[in-house]
N, C-alpha and C. Protein backbone atom coordinates (compact mmCIF):
# COMPACT_ATOMS: atom_id res chain seq x y z
N GLN A 1 0.29 11.64 -20.26
CA GLN A 1 -0.04 10.60 -21.22
C GLN A 1 -0.46 9.29 -20.57
N VAL A 2 -0.08 9.08 -19.31
CA VAL A 2 -0.53 7.91 -18.56
C VAL A 2 -1.54 8.37 -17.52
N HIS A 3 -2.67 7.69 -17.48
CA HIS A 3 -3.74 8.04 -16.56
C HIS A 3 -4.12 6.80 -15.76
N LEU A 4 -4.16 6.92 -14.44
CA LEU A 4 -4.48 5.82 -13.55
C LEU A 4 -5.82 6.07 -12.89
N VAL A 5 -6.70 5.08 -12.97
CA VAL A 5 -8.02 5.15 -12.36
C VAL A 5 -8.15 4.04 -11.33
N GLU A 6 -8.39 4.43 -10.08
CA GLU A 6 -8.50 3.48 -8.98
C GLU A 6 -9.96 3.21 -8.64
N SER A 7 -10.21 2.03 -8.12
CA SER A 7 -11.53 1.65 -7.66
C SER A 7 -11.41 0.54 -6.63
N GLY A 8 -12.49 0.29 -5.90
CA GLY A 8 -12.55 -0.83 -4.99
C GLY A 8 -12.51 -0.49 -3.51
N GLY A 9 -12.27 0.77 -3.18
CA GLY A 9 -12.25 1.15 -1.79
C GLY A 9 -13.65 1.15 -1.19
N GLY A 10 -13.70 1.30 0.12
CA GLY A 10 -14.98 1.33 0.80
C GLY A 10 -14.85 1.09 2.28
N LEU A 11 -15.97 0.79 2.90
CA LEU A 11 -16.05 0.53 4.34
C LEU A 11 -16.23 -0.95 4.57
N VAL A 12 -15.41 -1.51 5.46
CA VAL A 12 -15.47 -2.93 5.75
C VAL A 12 -15.18 -3.15 7.23
N GLN A 13 -15.75 -4.20 7.79
CA GLN A 13 -15.49 -4.54 9.18
C GLN A 13 -14.14 -5.23 9.32
N ALA A 14 -13.55 -5.12 10.50
CA ALA A 14 -12.29 -5.79 10.77
C ALA A 14 -12.40 -7.28 10.47
N GLY A 15 -11.38 -7.80 9.81
CA GLY A 15 -11.39 -9.19 9.39
C GLY A 15 -11.91 -9.41 7.99
N GLY A 16 -12.49 -8.40 7.41
CA GLY A 16 -13.04 -8.50 6.07
C GLY A 16 -12.00 -8.29 4.99
N SER A 17 -12.47 -8.24 3.75
CA SER A 17 -11.59 -8.13 2.60
C SER A 17 -12.07 -7.07 1.62
N LEU A 18 -11.12 -6.49 0.91
CA LEU A 18 -11.39 -5.59 -0.20
C LEU A 18 -10.38 -5.87 -1.29
N ARG A 19 -10.76 -5.56 -2.52
CA ARG A 19 -9.85 -5.68 -3.65
C ARG A 19 -9.80 -4.36 -4.40
N LEU A 20 -8.63 -3.75 -4.41
CA LEU A 20 -8.43 -2.51 -5.12
C LEU A 20 -7.94 -2.78 -6.53
N SER A 21 -8.39 -1.95 -7.46
CA SER A 21 -7.95 -2.05 -8.85
C SER A 21 -7.38 -0.72 -9.29
N CYS A 22 -6.40 -0.78 -10.17
CA CYS A 22 -5.79 0.41 -10.74
C CYS A 22 -5.57 0.16 -12.22
N ALA A 23 -6.34 0.83 -13.04
CA ALA A 23 -6.27 0.65 -14.49
C ALA A 23 -5.49 1.79 -15.13
N ALA A 24 -4.51 1.43 -15.93
CA ALA A 24 -3.68 2.40 -16.62
C ALA A 24 -4.13 2.56 -18.06
N SER A 25 -4.29 3.79 -18.49
CA SER A 25 -4.62 4.09 -19.87
C SER A 25 -3.54 5.00 -20.45
N GLY A 26 -3.50 5.07 -21.78
CA GLY A 26 -2.45 5.81 -22.43
C GLY A 26 -1.20 4.96 -22.57
N SER A 27 -0.09 5.61 -22.75
CA SER A 27 1.16 4.92 -22.99
C SER A 27 1.73 4.34 -21.70
N SER A 28 2.01 3.04 -21.71
CA SER A 28 2.66 2.38 -20.59
C SER A 28 4.12 2.06 -20.91
N PHE A 29 4.63 2.65 -21.96
CA PHE A 29 6.00 2.41 -22.39
C PHE A 29 6.98 2.77 -21.29
N SER A 30 7.92 1.86 -21.04
CA SER A 30 9.04 2.02 -20.11
C SER A 30 8.64 2.00 -18.64
N ILE A 31 7.40 1.64 -18.32
CA ILE A 31 7.02 1.48 -16.92
C ILE A 31 7.74 0.27 -16.35
N ASP A 32 8.47 0.48 -15.26
CA ASP A 32 9.26 -0.59 -14.65
C ASP A 32 8.52 -1.31 -13.53
N ALA A 33 7.64 -0.60 -12.84
CA ALA A 33 6.93 -1.19 -11.72
C ALA A 33 5.68 -0.37 -11.41
N MET A 34 4.76 -0.99 -10.71
CA MET A 34 3.59 -0.31 -10.21
C MET A 34 3.36 -0.76 -8.77
N GLY A 35 2.66 0.06 -8.02
CA GLY A 35 2.41 -0.30 -6.64
C GLY A 35 1.40 0.59 -5.98
N TRP A 36 1.33 0.46 -4.66
CA TRP A 36 0.36 1.20 -3.85
C TRP A 36 1.04 1.82 -2.64
N TYR A 37 0.78 3.08 -2.43
CA TYR A 37 1.08 3.77 -1.19
C TYR A 37 -0.23 4.00 -0.44
N ARG A 38 -0.11 4.24 0.85
CA ARG A 38 -1.27 4.65 1.62
C ARG A 38 -0.87 5.76 2.58
N GLN A 39 -1.85 6.58 2.93
CA GLN A 39 -1.61 7.67 3.85
C GLN A 39 -2.84 7.90 4.72
N ALA A 40 -2.62 7.86 6.02
CA ALA A 40 -3.65 8.16 6.99
C ALA A 40 -3.43 9.57 7.52
N PRO A 41 -4.49 10.24 7.98
CA PRO A 41 -4.34 11.60 8.49
C PRO A 41 -3.29 11.71 9.59
N GLY A 42 -2.38 12.65 9.45
CA GLY A 42 -1.35 12.87 10.45
C GLY A 42 -0.20 11.90 10.40
N LYS A 43 -0.20 10.98 9.44
CA LYS A 43 0.87 9.99 9.35
C LYS A 43 1.61 10.14 8.03
N GLN A 44 2.83 9.60 8.01
CA GLN A 44 3.64 9.64 6.80
C GLN A 44 3.09 8.66 5.76
N ARG A 45 3.33 9.00 4.51
CA ARG A 45 2.95 8.11 3.43
C ARG A 45 3.79 6.84 3.49
N GLU A 46 3.15 5.69 3.30
CA GLU A 46 3.78 4.40 3.47
C GLU A 46 3.64 3.56 2.22
N LEU A 47 4.74 2.99 1.77
CA LEU A 47 4.69 2.05 0.65
C LEU A 47 4.10 0.74 1.14
N VAL A 48 3.02 0.31 0.50
CA VAL A 48 2.31 -0.89 0.91
C VAL A 48 2.78 -2.10 0.12
N ALA A 49 2.82 -1.97 -1.20
CA ALA A 49 3.17 -3.10 -2.05
C ALA A 49 3.67 -2.58 -3.39
N ARG A 50 4.48 -3.40 -4.05
CA ARG A 50 5.08 -3.03 -5.32
C ARG A 50 5.27 -4.28 -6.15
N ILE A 51 5.07 -4.16 -7.46
CA ILE A 51 5.29 -5.28 -8.36
C ILE A 51 6.00 -4.78 -9.60
N THR A 52 7.04 -5.49 -10.03
CA THR A 52 7.80 -5.13 -11.21
C THR A 52 7.20 -5.77 -12.45
N ASN A 53 7.69 -5.33 -13.61
CA ASN A 53 7.24 -5.94 -14.86
C ASN A 53 7.54 -7.43 -14.92
N GLY A 54 8.60 -7.84 -14.24
CA GLY A 54 8.97 -9.24 -14.21
C GLY A 54 8.19 -10.06 -13.19
N GLY A 55 7.34 -9.41 -12.41
CA GLY A 55 6.51 -10.12 -11.45
C GLY A 55 7.07 -10.20 -10.04
N ASN A 56 8.22 -9.59 -9.79
CA ASN A 56 8.74 -9.57 -8.43
C ASN A 56 7.91 -8.64 -7.56
N THR A 57 7.69 -9.03 -6.32
CA THR A 57 6.84 -8.26 -5.42
C THR A 57 7.56 -7.89 -4.13
N ASN A 58 7.12 -6.80 -3.53
CA ASN A 58 7.60 -6.34 -2.24
C ASN A 58 6.41 -5.86 -1.43
N TYR A 59 6.47 -6.09 -0.11
CA TYR A 59 5.40 -5.69 0.78
C TYR A 59 5.94 -5.03 2.03
N ALA A 60 5.17 -4.10 2.55
CA ALA A 60 5.46 -3.58 3.87
C ALA A 60 5.30 -4.69 4.90
N ASP A 61 6.13 -4.66 5.93
CA ASP A 61 6.05 -5.69 6.96
C ASP A 61 4.66 -5.75 7.59
N SER A 62 4.00 -4.62 7.68
CA SER A 62 2.70 -4.56 8.34
C SER A 62 1.59 -5.27 7.57
N VAL A 63 1.81 -5.57 6.29
CA VAL A 63 0.76 -6.19 5.48
C VAL A 63 1.16 -7.56 4.95
N LYS A 64 2.37 -8.01 5.21
CA LYS A 64 2.82 -9.31 4.72
C LYS A 64 1.91 -10.41 5.24
N GLY A 65 1.56 -11.31 4.34
CA GLY A 65 0.68 -12.41 4.70
C GLY A 65 -0.79 -12.08 4.62
N ARG A 66 -1.13 -10.80 4.47
CA ARG A 66 -2.53 -10.38 4.39
C ARG A 66 -2.88 -9.77 3.04
N PHE A 67 -1.95 -9.03 2.45
CA PHE A 67 -2.19 -8.35 1.17
C PHE A 67 -1.43 -9.07 0.06
N THR A 68 -2.01 -9.05 -1.14
CA THR A 68 -1.36 -9.62 -2.31
C THR A 68 -1.51 -8.66 -3.48
N ILE A 69 -0.39 -8.30 -4.09
CA ILE A 69 -0.42 -7.45 -5.27
C ILE A 69 -0.23 -8.31 -6.51
N SER A 70 -0.94 -7.99 -7.56
CA SER A 70 -0.82 -8.72 -8.82
C SER A 70 -1.04 -7.76 -9.98
N ARG A 71 -0.65 -8.21 -11.17
CA ARG A 71 -0.78 -7.36 -12.34
C ARG A 71 -1.21 -8.17 -13.54
N ASP A 72 -2.17 -7.63 -14.27
CA ASP A 72 -2.62 -8.21 -15.52
C ASP A 72 -2.01 -7.38 -16.63
N THR A 73 -0.95 -7.89 -17.24
CA THR A 73 -0.22 -7.13 -18.24
C THR A 73 -1.08 -6.81 -19.46
N ALA A 74 -1.86 -7.79 -19.90
CA ALA A 74 -2.71 -7.60 -21.07
C ALA A 74 -3.73 -6.50 -20.83
N GLU A 75 -4.31 -6.45 -19.64
CA GLU A 75 -5.30 -5.43 -19.31
C GLU A 75 -4.66 -4.17 -18.76
N ASN A 76 -3.35 -4.22 -18.49
CA ASN A 76 -2.63 -3.08 -17.94
C ASN A 76 -3.27 -2.59 -16.64
N THR A 77 -3.55 -3.53 -15.78
CA THR A 77 -4.22 -3.25 -14.52
C THR A 77 -3.49 -3.94 -13.38
N VAL A 78 -3.35 -3.24 -12.26
CA VAL A 78 -2.75 -3.81 -11.07
C VAL A 78 -3.82 -3.92 -9.99
N TYR A 79 -3.73 -4.97 -9.19
CA TYR A 79 -4.71 -5.24 -8.15
C TYR A 79 -4.03 -5.35 -6.80
N LEU A 80 -4.77 -5.02 -5.77
CA LEU A 80 -4.32 -5.24 -4.40
C LEU A 80 -5.43 -5.95 -3.64
N GLN A 81 -5.23 -7.24 -3.39
CA GLN A 81 -6.16 -8.02 -2.61
C GLN A 81 -5.81 -7.85 -1.14
N MET A 82 -6.76 -7.36 -0.36
CA MET A 82 -6.55 -7.02 1.03
C MET A 82 -7.44 -7.91 1.90
N ASN A 83 -6.82 -8.83 2.62
CA ASN A 83 -7.54 -9.75 3.48
C ASN A 83 -7.21 -9.49 4.94
N SER A 84 -8.04 -10.01 5.82
CA SER A 84 -7.84 -9.86 7.27
C SER A 84 -7.58 -8.41 7.64
N LEU A 85 -8.41 -7.53 7.14
CA LEU A 85 -8.20 -6.10 7.34
C LEU A 85 -8.32 -5.71 8.80
N LYS A 86 -7.50 -4.75 9.18
CA LYS A 86 -7.45 -4.23 10.53
C LYS A 86 -7.76 -2.74 10.52
N PRO A 87 -8.23 -2.19 11.63
CA PRO A 87 -8.46 -0.74 11.68
C PRO A 87 -7.22 0.07 11.32
N GLU A 88 -6.04 -0.45 11.60
CA GLU A 88 -4.80 0.23 11.27
C GLU A 88 -4.59 0.36 9.76
N ASP A 89 -5.33 -0.39 8.97
CA ASP A 89 -5.22 -0.30 7.52
C ASP A 89 -6.02 0.86 6.95
N THR A 90 -6.80 1.53 7.78
CA THR A 90 -7.60 2.65 7.32
C THR A 90 -6.70 3.76 6.79
N ALA A 91 -6.93 4.15 5.54
CA ALA A 91 -6.10 5.16 4.89
C ALA A 91 -6.65 5.42 3.49
N VAL A 92 -6.10 6.43 2.85
CA VAL A 92 -6.31 6.62 1.43
C VAL A 92 -5.20 5.88 0.70
N TYR A 93 -5.57 5.05 -0.25
CA TYR A 93 -4.62 4.24 -0.99
C TYR A 93 -4.42 4.83 -2.38
N TYR A 94 -3.15 5.00 -2.76
CA TYR A 94 -2.79 5.62 -4.03
C TYR A 94 -1.99 4.65 -4.88
N CYS A 95 -2.45 4.42 -6.09
CA CYS A 95 -1.70 3.64 -7.05
C CYS A 95 -0.65 4.53 -7.72
N TYR A 96 0.45 3.93 -8.14
CA TYR A 96 1.50 4.71 -8.80
C TYR A 96 2.23 3.87 -9.84
N THR A 97 2.89 4.57 -10.76
CA THR A 97 3.80 3.94 -11.72
C THR A 97 5.22 4.40 -11.45
N GLU A 98 6.17 3.59 -11.86
CA GLU A 98 7.57 3.85 -11.57
C GLU A 98 8.41 3.67 -12.83
N ARG A 99 9.26 4.65 -13.08
CA ARG A 99 10.23 4.58 -14.15
C ARG A 99 11.59 5.03 -13.63
N ARG A 100 12.61 4.26 -13.91
CA ARG A 100 13.97 4.58 -13.51
C ARG A 100 14.06 4.92 -12.01
N LEU A 101 13.43 4.11 -11.20
CA LEU A 101 13.42 4.27 -9.74
C LEU A 101 12.74 5.55 -9.29
N ARG A 102 11.90 6.11 -10.13
CA ARG A 102 11.22 7.36 -9.83
C ARG A 102 9.71 7.20 -10.04
N ILE A 103 8.94 7.60 -9.05
CA ILE A 103 7.49 7.60 -9.19
C ILE A 103 7.09 8.77 -10.08
N ASP A 104 6.34 8.48 -11.15
CA ASP A 104 6.02 9.54 -12.10
C ASP A 104 4.53 9.72 -12.36
N THR A 105 3.69 8.82 -11.91
CA THR A 105 2.25 8.93 -12.11
C THR A 105 1.51 8.44 -10.88
N TRP A 106 0.47 9.15 -10.49
CA TRP A 106 -0.35 8.79 -9.34
C TRP A 106 -1.81 8.63 -9.73
N GLY A 107 -2.47 7.68 -9.09
CA GLY A 107 -3.90 7.59 -9.18
C GLY A 107 -4.56 8.63 -8.30
N GLN A 108 -5.89 8.71 -8.38
CA GLN A 108 -6.61 9.75 -7.64
C GLN A 108 -6.78 9.43 -6.16
N GLY A 109 -6.53 8.20 -5.77
CA GLY A 109 -6.70 7.78 -4.39
C GLY A 109 -8.07 7.18 -4.15
N THR A 110 -8.11 6.16 -3.31
CA THR A 110 -9.37 5.55 -2.93
C THR A 110 -9.36 5.29 -1.42
N GLN A 111 -10.46 5.63 -0.76
CA GLN A 111 -10.54 5.54 0.69
C GLN A 111 -10.86 4.12 1.13
N VAL A 112 -10.07 3.61 2.06
CA VAL A 112 -10.34 2.33 2.71
C VAL A 112 -10.55 2.59 4.19
N THR A 113 -11.71 2.21 4.70
CA THR A 113 -12.03 2.40 6.10
C THR A 113 -12.39 1.06 6.72
N VAL A 114 -11.69 0.69 7.78
CA VAL A 114 -11.91 -0.58 8.46
C VAL A 114 -12.43 -0.29 9.86
N SER A 115 -13.63 -0.74 10.15
CA SER A 115 -14.25 -0.51 11.44
C SER A 115 -13.97 -1.67 12.38
N SER A 116 -13.89 -1.36 13.67
CA SER A 116 -13.63 -2.38 14.68
C SER A 116 -14.93 -2.96 15.21
């Protein structure tokens, strides 16, 4: 009943910026938080950023000061502003929803590639 559509990925040079969007359609009832994971080939999936309905945010240490997560409640869309990108940020980024401390919906993933 909840469908997430991601956009905004692409190829960018080191030091550049990208803005990812994740639009939720269908019922958003009882969603407690939304966020982004990323996964690079051969590496474990990593939580990048998270935002609660109340606006509290959390970031991975590797992206603090460079990435900003935000949410437009009226549009039911979450954003990830990614600045000062590094080659280490190259990964597939997945948007998700969270209910009762459990991830229950995933976006399709969007590729972010940062060239040196």
